[in-house]
C-alpha cells in the first residue's frame, strides 16, 4: 500500500510549516479550459480511497469531492481559459491555473508541492513531484477537486454546444468528438492549437 503521507510527514519533521498540494486536470483535451486545485490537508487525515483522480471511477471521485471540501484546512480551485492556453501554451496555462488556486489559500502555504516536473510560474516556494498525484495526499486531493470541477464544467458546456458530446468525453479526442468536429467544425471553446494535426490530416 502506497503511503500518501510520507512526503508531507517528512516535510513537517523538517519544520517546513504549512504545505499545500496542487494539481491540474485537462491538459490533454481538444476543448475547454484547464482546471487546477490546491489543497491543504490536516496532517494524517483519513480520506478512504484517496488516490490519483485518474485511477478512481467517476463515482468515487464524486464521493470524495465533498469529503475533501469538508476536511481540508483550505482549498482553492481555478481555471486558465482557452484563450490563455492558446497565448501561453498548455503547460504554462496549467501552471498559471495552479498558481491562481494556491493564491486562494488561507493560511498561505510555506511550500507548494506541484504535480509534474516544473514549478515555473508558481509564486511561492514550490517543489515539483513527478507522479505526485499517486505519491502525496494533498496533491491527490487536489487532483480529485480539479478533475471533478472540470468534468462538471464540460457537462455545462455540453448544454451550450450539444452537438459535440462534451458531457461524454469531456473534450478529449475520442472518435465521436473528431466526427463531430468533421460535421460542425470547432466551437468557441475548442483549442485551435490542439486541432492543427486534425486539420493537417484533412
Protein backbone atom coordinates (compact mmCIF):
# COMPACT_ATOMS: atom_id res chain seq x y z
CA UNK A 1 0.00 0.00 0.00
CA UNK A 2 1.41 3.33 -1.06
CA UNK A 3 1.79 5.73 1.89
CA UNK A 4 0.39 9.01 0.60
CA UNK A 5 1.53 10.85 3.73
CA UNK A 6 5.24 10.07 3.57
CA UNK A 7 6.30 13.26 1.75
CA UNK A 8 4.22 15.61 3.90
CA UNK A 9 5.32 13.91 7.13
CA UNK A 10 8.98 14.31 6.17
CA UNK A 11 8.42 18.00 5.42
CA UNK A 12 6.65 18.54 8.76
CA UNK A 13 9.57 16.83 10.52
CA UNK A 14 11.89 19.30 8.77
CA UNK A 15 9.71 22.07 10.22
CA UNK A 16 8.61 23.39 6.85
CA UNK A 17 5.26 24.71 8.11
CA UNK A 18 2.05 24.73 6.08
CA UNK A 19 2.29 22.61 2.93
CA UNK A 20 -0.22 22.50 0.09
CA UNK A 21 -0.53 20.18 -2.87
CA UNK A 22 -1.54 21.39 -6.33
CA UNK A 23 -2.58 19.57 -9.49
CA UNK A 24 -4.45 20.26 -12.70
CA UNK A 25 -6.96 18.48 -14.91
CA UNK A 26 -7.48 18.96 -18.62
CA UNK A 27 -4.06 19.32 -20.20
CA UNK A 28 -4.89 16.83 -22.95
CA UNK A 29 -8.40 17.70 -24.23
CA UNK A 30 -9.14 19.47 -27.51
CA UNK A 31 -11.69 21.76 -25.85
CA UNK A 32 -12.42 23.59 -22.63
CA UNK A 33 -10.23 25.34 -20.07
CA UNK A 34 -7.62 23.72 -17.86
CA UNK A 35 -8.66 23.49 -14.20
CA UNK A 36 -6.38 23.39 -11.15
CA UNK A 37 -6.83 22.92 -7.44
CA UNK A 38 -4.65 23.45 -4.39
CA UNK A 39 -5.35 21.78 -1.05
CA UNK A 40 -4.01 21.98 2.49
CA UNK A 41 -4.98 18.86 4.43
CA UNK A 42 -4.86 18.36 8.20
CA UNK A 43 -1.90 16.12 8.99
CA UNK A 44 -2.60 12.39 8.70
CA UNK A 45 -6.31 12.73 7.96
CA UNK A 46 -8.05 9.61 6.65
CA UNK A 47 -9.75 10.04 3.29
CA UNK A 48 -10.81 6.50 2.37
CA UNK A 49 -9.93 5.59 -1.21
CA UNK A 50 -7.94 8.77 -1.89
CA UNK A 51 -5.69 8.28 -4.91
CA UNK A 52 -4.68 9.91 -8.18
CA UNK A 53 -8.01 11.02 -9.71
CA UNK A 54 -7.18 9.20 -12.97
CA UNK A 55 -7.19 5.89 -11.07
CA UNK A 56 -10.60 6.49 -9.50
CA UNK A 57 -14.02 5.93 -11.02
CA UNK A 58 -16.22 8.97 -11.60
CA UNK A 59 -18.50 7.77 -8.80
CA UNK A 60 -15.58 7.52 -6.36
CA UNK A 61 -14.29 10.98 -7.32
CA UNK A 62 -17.78 12.47 -6.84
CA UNK A 63 -17.95 10.84 -3.38
CA UNK A 64 -14.52 12.15 -2.37
CA UNK A 65 -15.15 15.70 -3.60
CA UNK A 66 -17.43 16.92 -0.74
CA UNK A 67 -15.32 14.98 1.77
CA UNK A 68 -12.15 16.82 0.71
CA UNK A 69 -14.00 20.17 0.75
CA UNK A 70 -15.22 19.45 4.27
CA UNK A 71 -11.97 18.09 5.76
CA UNK A 72 -9.40 20.36 4.10
CA UNK A 73 -7.85 23.17 6.14
CA UNK A 74 -8.19 25.21 2.94
CA UNK A 75 -8.63 24.65 -0.79
CA UNK A 76 -8.67 26.72 -3.94
CA UNK A 77 -9.95 25.92 -7.44
CA UNK A 78 -9.07 28.00 -10.51
CA UNK A 79 -9.03 27.90 -14.31
CA UNK A 80 -6.92 29.06 -17.21
CA UNK A 81 -9.08 29.85 -20.22
CA UNK A 82 -8.85 28.53 -23.77
CA UNK A 83 -7.51 31.98 -24.76
CA UNK A 84 -4.76 31.72 -22.13
CA UNK A 85 -3.90 28.17 -23.27
CA UNK A 86 -3.53 29.48 -26.83
CA UNK A 87 -1.49 32.50 -25.77
CA UNK A 88 0.86 30.81 -23.29
CA UNK A 89 0.85 27.07 -24.26
CA UNK A 90 -0.83 24.36 -22.23
CA UNK A 91 1.96 23.77 -19.69
CA UNK A 92 2.27 27.44 -18.76
CA UNK A 93 -1.53 27.79 -18.64
CA UNK A 94 -1.75 24.76 -16.30
CA UNK A 95 0.88 26.30 -14.01
CA UNK A 96 -0.97 29.64 -14.11
CA UNK A 97 -4.19 27.89 -13.03
CA UNK A 98 -2.30 26.13 -10.19
CA UNK A 99 -0.77 29.46 -9.08
CA UNK A 100 -4.27 31.01 -9.04
CA UNK A 101 -5.61 28.12 -6.95
CA UNK A 102 -2.69 28.42 -4.48
CA UNK A 103 -3.31 32.19 -4.17
CA UNK A 104 -6.80 31.45 -2.80
CA UNK A 105 -5.45 29.51 0.20
CA UNK A 106 -5.68 30.87 3.71
CA UNK A 107 -3.39 30.19 5.61
CA UNK A 108 -0.76 30.91 2.99
CA UNK A 109 1.39 27.80 2.49
CA UNK A 110 5.14 27.90 3.16
CA UNK A 111 5.64 25.35 0.39
CA UNK A 112 3.60 24.11 -2.56
CA UNK A 113 4.02 20.55 -3.83
CA UNK A 114 3.32 20.60 -7.56
CA UNK A 115 2.42 17.54 -9.60
CA UNK A 116 4.79 17.28 -12.56
CA UNK A 117 8.39 18.21 -13.30
CA UNK A 118 8.38 22.01 -13.16
CA UNK A 119 7.37 24.79 -10.78
CA UNK A 120 7.96 27.63 -13.23
CA UNK A 121 5.45 30.41 -12.67
CA UNK A 122 4.47 29.38 -9.12
CA UNK A 123 4.63 32.49 -6.91
CA UNK A 124 5.52 30.80 -3.60
CA UNK A 125 8.35 28.34 -2.78
CA UNK A 126 7.47 25.12 -4.59
CA UNK A 127 8.75 21.62 -5.21
CA UNK A 128 7.76 19.50 -8.20
CA UNK A 129 6.93 15.81 -7.74
CA UNK A 130 6.62 13.64 -10.84
CA UNK A 131 3.58 11.39 -10.42
CA UNK A 132 2.78 13.34 -7.25
CA UNK A 133 -0.95 12.62 -7.54
CA UNK A 134 -0.16 8.96 -6.67
CA UNK A 135 2.53 9.74 -4.05
CA UNK A 136 1.26 12.63 -1.98
CA UNK A 137 -2.07 13.05 -0.15
CA UNK A 138 -2.57 16.78 -0.74
CA UNK A 139 -1.73 16.50 -4.46
CA UNK A 140 -4.08 13.51 -4.77
CA UNK A 141 -6.84 15.56 -3.09
CA UNK A 142 -6.13 18.48 -5.45
CA UNK A 143 -6.31 16.12 -8.46
CA UNK A 144 -9.80 15.00 -7.40
CA UNK A 145 -11.09 18.58 -6.92
CA UNK A 146 -9.65 19.70 -10.27
CA UNK A 147 -10.95 16.70 -12.23
CA UNK A 148 -14.48 16.78 -10.78
CA UNK A 149 -14.76 20.57 -11.23
CA UNK A 150 -13.58 20.41 -14.83
CA UNK A 151 -15.84 17.46 -15.68
CA UNK A 152 -18.85 19.33 -14.28
CA UNK A 153 -17.96 22.37 -16.36
CA UNK A 154 -17.72 20.23 -19.51
CA UNK A 155 -21.22 18.87 -18.77
CA UNK A 156 -22.45 22.51 -18.61
CA UNK A 157 -20.67 23.30 -21.90
CA UNK A 158 -22.43 20.28 -23.43
CA UNK A 159 -25.74 22.08 -22.85
CA UNK A 160 -24.40 25.11 -24.73
CA UNK A 161 -22.83 23.06 -27.54
CA UNK A 162 -24.83 19.80 -27.59
CA UNK A 163 -23.53 18.65 -30.97
CA UNK A 164 -20.04 17.81 -29.62
CA UNK A 165 -20.95 15.44 -26.75
CA UNK A 166 -18.71 17.17 -24.19
CA UNK A 167 -20.68 15.52 -21.38
CA UNK A 168 -19.43 12.11 -22.57
CA UNK A 169 -15.77 12.66 -23.48
CA UNK A 170 -15.11 15.89 -21.52
CA UNK A 171 -13.36 17.40 -24.52
CA UNK A 172 -10.84 14.61 -25.09
CA UNK A 173 -10.11 13.50 -28.66
CA UNK A 174 -12.39 10.48 -28.97
CA UNK A 175 -13.62 9.12 -32.28
CA UNK A 176 -17.08 10.63 -31.64
CA UNK A 177 -15.51 14.01 -30.86
CA UNK A 178 -13.47 14.02 -34.09
CA UNK A 179 -16.59 13.00 -36.03
CA UNK A 180 -18.46 15.98 -34.52
CA UNK A 181 -15.58 18.29 -35.49
CA UNK A 182 -15.78 16.92 -39.06
CA UNK A 183 -19.51 17.63 -39.15
CA UNK A 184 -19.71 21.00 -37.35
CA UNK A 185 -16.21 22.49 -37.27
CA UNK A 186 -14.80 23.84 -33.99
CA UNK A 187 -16.77 25.72 -31.32
CA UNK A 188 -15.60 28.83 -29.44
CA UNK A 189 -14.43 26.54 -26.60
CA UNK A 190 -12.13 24.42 -28.78
CA UNK A 191 -8.37 24.98 -28.55
CA UNK A 192 -7.20 25.90 -32.09
CA UNK A 193 -3.59 24.81 -31.45
CA UNK A 194 -4.83 21.35 -30.44
CA UNK A 195 -6.68 20.94 -33.75
CA UNK A 196 -3.72 21.65 -36.06
CA UNK A 197 -2.95 17.95 -36.65
CA UNK A 198 -6.63 17.19 -37.21
CA UNK A 199 -6.85 19.88 -39.92
CA UNK A 200 -3.50 18.93 -41.44
CA UNK A 201 -4.81 15.37 -41.94
CA UNK A 202 -7.87 16.74 -43.74
